[in-house]
Amino acid sequence: MKTILVFKTSVHQKDEVKKLRPWLNKLVNTNGCWNFDLEDCDKILRVETQSLHAPTITSLLKNQGFYCEELH
């Protein structure tokens, strides 16, 4: 069963998404997908996954210098 995780981030520009793309692709792999909504005021990241947990994703973004908080 796939889960959709939703995060508020500090990613504002397409160049920043491009920087994160290889990391997120590797993390999500072929079992899911991800996308950013940069038009939303919270700069939403949605991750569809079968096996990932929110702390893994927040850690990845924080390690790359971005704010990331799971929304419930």
N, C-alpha and C. Protein backbone atom coordinates (compact mmCIF):
# COMPACT_ATOMS: atom_id res chain seq x y z
N MET A 1 0.83 -1.19 0.00
CA MET A 1 0.00 0.00 0.00
C MET A 1 0.88 1.25 0.00
N LYS A 2 0.56 2.17 -0.89
CA LYS A 2 1.35 3.41 -0.97
C LYS A 2 0.81 4.44 0.00
N THR A 3 1.74 5.22 0.53
CA THR A 3 1.43 6.30 1.45
C THR A 3 1.86 7.61 0.80
N ILE A 4 1.10 8.67 1.02
CA ILE A 4 1.49 9.99 0.54
C ILE A 4 1.90 10.82 1.75
N LEU A 5 3.16 11.24 1.74
CA LEU A 5 3.70 12.09 2.79
C LEU A 5 3.75 13.52 2.25
N VAL A 6 3.39 14.49 3.08
CA VAL A 6 3.33 15.89 2.65
C VAL A 6 4.19 16.72 3.61
N PHE A 7 5.03 17.58 3.02
CA PHE A 7 5.98 18.36 3.79
C PHE A 7 5.93 19.84 3.41
N LYS A 8 6.10 20.69 4.41
CA LYS A 8 6.32 22.12 4.21
C LYS A 8 7.83 22.29 4.10
N THR A 9 8.30 23.04 3.08
CA THR A 9 9.74 23.17 2.87
C THR A 9 10.14 24.63 2.64
N SER A 10 11.44 24.84 2.56
CA SER A 10 11.97 26.16 2.22
C SER A 10 12.54 26.18 0.80
N VAL A 11 12.14 25.21 -0.01
CA VAL A 11 12.58 25.13 -1.40
C VAL A 11 11.73 26.12 -2.20
N HIS A 12 12.37 27.15 -2.78
CA HIS A 12 11.61 28.20 -3.47
C HIS A 12 11.79 28.22 -4.99
N GLN A 13 12.90 27.67 -5.49
CA GLN A 13 13.20 27.83 -6.91
C GLN A 13 13.42 26.49 -7.59
N LYS A 14 13.20 26.49 -8.90
CA LYS A 14 13.40 25.28 -9.68
C LYS A 14 14.84 24.80 -9.62
N ASP A 15 15.80 25.72 -9.51
CA ASP A 15 17.20 25.32 -9.39
C ASP A 15 17.44 24.51 -8.13
N GLU A 16 16.71 24.84 -7.06
CA GLU A 16 16.85 24.09 -5.81
C GLU A 16 16.24 22.70 -5.95
N VAL A 17 15.14 22.61 -6.67
CA VAL A 17 14.53 21.30 -6.95
C VAL A 17 15.51 20.46 -7.76
N LYS A 18 16.16 21.09 -8.74
CA LYS A 18 17.13 20.39 -9.58
C LYS A 18 18.29 19.84 -8.73
N LYS A 19 18.71 20.62 -7.73
CA LYS A 19 19.78 20.18 -6.82
C LYS A 19 19.35 18.95 -6.03
N LEU A 20 18.07 18.93 -5.61
CA LEU A 20 17.56 17.83 -4.79
C LEU A 20 17.15 16.60 -5.61
N ARG A 21 16.91 16.79 -6.91
CA ARG A 21 16.39 15.70 -7.75
C ARG A 21 17.16 14.39 -7.62
N PRO A 22 18.51 14.38 -7.76
CA PRO A 22 19.20 13.09 -7.67
C PRO A 22 19.06 12.42 -6.31
N TRP A 23 19.03 13.22 -5.25
CA TRP A 23 18.89 12.67 -3.90
C TRP A 23 17.51 12.07 -3.70
N LEU A 24 16.48 12.80 -4.12
CA LEU A 24 15.11 12.31 -3.95
C LEU A 24 14.84 11.11 -4.85
N ASN A 25 15.35 11.14 -6.08
CA ASN A 25 15.17 9.99 -6.97
C ASN A 25 15.79 8.74 -6.39
N LYS A 26 16.99 8.89 -5.83
CA LYS A 26 17.68 7.73 -5.23
C LYS A 26 16.90 7.22 -4.02
N LEU A 27 16.39 8.14 -3.21
CA LEU A 27 15.67 7.77 -2.00
C LEU A 27 14.35 7.09 -2.33
N VAL A 28 13.59 7.68 -3.24
CA VAL A 28 12.26 7.16 -3.59
C VAL A 28 12.38 5.91 -4.48
N ASN A 29 13.40 5.88 -5.33
CA ASN A 29 13.67 4.74 -6.21
C ASN A 29 12.48 4.51 -7.15
N THR A 30 12.23 3.28 -7.52
CA THR A 30 11.16 2.99 -8.48
C THR A 30 9.83 2.68 -7.80
N ASN A 31 9.82 2.67 -6.47
CA ASN A 31 8.60 2.31 -5.74
C ASN A 31 7.68 3.49 -5.46
N GLY A 32 8.02 4.66 -5.94
CA GLY A 32 7.18 5.81 -5.64
C GLY A 32 7.51 6.99 -6.52
N CYS A 33 7.05 8.17 -6.11
CA CYS A 33 7.33 9.39 -6.85
C CYS A 33 7.27 10.57 -5.90
N TRP A 34 7.75 11.70 -6.38
CA TRP A 34 7.75 12.92 -5.56
C TRP A 34 7.54 14.13 -6.45
N ASN A 35 7.06 15.22 -5.87
CA ASN A 35 6.95 16.48 -6.60
C ASN A 35 6.84 17.64 -5.62
N PHE A 36 7.24 18.80 -6.10
CA PHE A 36 7.13 20.03 -5.34
C PHE A 36 6.02 20.89 -5.91
N ASP A 37 5.31 21.59 -5.05
CA ASP A 37 4.36 22.61 -5.47
C ASP A 37 4.93 23.95 -5.00
N LEU A 38 5.72 24.58 -5.86
CA LEU A 38 6.38 25.84 -5.51
C LEU A 38 5.41 27.02 -5.52
N GLU A 39 4.22 26.83 -6.07
CA GLU A 39 3.21 27.89 -6.08
C GLU A 39 2.51 28.00 -4.72
N ASP A 40 2.50 26.92 -3.98
CA ASP A 40 1.87 26.91 -2.66
C ASP A 40 2.72 27.73 -1.68
N CYS A 41 2.07 28.42 -0.76
CA CYS A 41 2.81 29.27 0.18
C CYS A 41 3.74 28.46 1.08
N ASP A 42 3.45 27.17 1.26
CA ASP A 42 4.30 26.30 2.09
C ASP A 42 5.34 25.52 1.28
N LYS A 43 5.41 25.80 -0.03
CA LYS A 43 6.39 25.12 -0.90
C LYS A 43 6.36 23.61 -0.65
N ILE A 44 5.21 23.03 -0.92
CA ILE A 44 4.89 21.65 -0.57
C ILE A 44 5.72 20.63 -1.36
N LEU A 45 6.21 19.64 -0.63
CA LEU A 45 6.82 18.44 -1.22
C LEU A 45 5.88 17.28 -0.90
N ARG A 46 5.46 16.57 -1.95
CA ARG A 46 4.63 15.37 -1.78
C ARG A 46 5.46 14.17 -2.21
N VAL A 47 5.46 13.16 -1.38
CA VAL A 47 6.20 11.93 -1.67
C VAL A 47 5.22 10.76 -1.57
N GLU A 48 5.12 10.02 -2.67
CA GLU A 48 4.30 8.81 -2.69
C GLU A 48 5.25 7.63 -2.54
N THR A 49 5.07 6.81 -1.51
CA THR A 49 6.03 5.77 -1.21
C THR A 49 5.36 4.57 -0.56
N GLN A 50 6.05 3.44 -0.65
CA GLN A 50 5.59 2.23 0.04
C GLN A 50 6.42 1.98 1.29
N SER A 51 7.64 2.50 1.31
CA SER A 51 8.54 2.10 2.39
C SER A 51 9.22 3.23 3.16
N LEU A 52 9.17 4.46 2.64
CA LEU A 52 9.87 5.55 3.32
C LEU A 52 9.05 6.11 4.48
N HIS A 53 9.78 6.66 5.45
CA HIS A 53 9.14 7.32 6.59
C HIS A 53 9.54 8.78 6.58
N ALA A 54 8.69 9.63 7.14
CA ALA A 54 8.89 11.08 7.12
C ALA A 54 10.27 11.51 7.63
N PRO A 55 10.79 10.97 8.74
CA PRO A 55 12.09 11.44 9.23
C PRO A 55 13.23 11.25 8.22
N THR A 56 13.15 10.24 7.39
CA THR A 56 14.17 10.01 6.36
C THR A 56 14.18 11.17 5.37
N ILE A 57 13.01 11.62 4.98
CA ILE A 57 12.90 12.70 4.00
C ILE A 57 13.28 14.04 4.61
N THR A 58 12.81 14.30 5.83
CA THR A 58 13.18 15.56 6.47
C THR A 58 14.68 15.64 6.69
N SER A 59 15.30 14.53 7.06
CA SER A 59 16.76 14.52 7.25
C SER A 59 17.49 14.81 5.95
N LEU A 60 17.02 14.23 4.87
CA LEU A 60 17.66 14.45 3.56
C LEU A 60 17.64 15.94 3.22
N LEU A 61 16.48 16.57 3.32
CA LEU A 61 16.38 17.99 2.97
C LEU A 61 17.20 18.86 3.92
N LYS A 62 17.16 18.55 5.20
CA LYS A 62 17.92 19.33 6.17
C LYS A 62 19.42 19.19 5.91
N ASN A 63 19.87 17.99 5.55
CA ASN A 63 21.29 17.79 5.22
C ASN A 63 21.71 18.56 3.98
N GLN A 64 20.76 18.88 3.12
CA GLN A 64 21.04 19.67 1.92
C GLN A 64 20.82 21.17 2.15
N GLY A 65 20.50 21.54 3.39
CA GLY A 65 20.39 22.94 3.74
C GLY A 65 19.00 23.55 3.65
N PHE A 66 17.97 22.71 3.61
CA PHE A 66 16.60 23.20 3.50
C PHE A 66 15.79 22.88 4.74
N TYR A 67 14.81 23.74 5.02
CA TYR A 67 13.84 23.47 6.07
C TYR A 67 12.84 22.45 5.52
N CYS A 68 12.43 21.51 6.37
CA CYS A 68 11.45 20.50 5.95
C CYS A 68 10.70 20.00 7.18
N GLU A 69 9.38 20.10 7.12
CA GLU A 69 8.54 19.66 8.24
C GLU A 69 7.35 18.90 7.68
N GLU A 70 7.08 17.73 8.24
CA GLU A 70 5.92 16.96 7.79
C GLU A 70 4.64 17.67 8.22
N LEU A 71 3.67 17.71 7.29
CA LEU A 71 2.34 18.23 7.60
C LEU A 71 1.41 17.06 7.84
N HIS A 72 0.56 17.19 8.85
CA HIS A 72 -0.36 16.09 9.18
C HIS A 72 -1.77 16.43 8.77
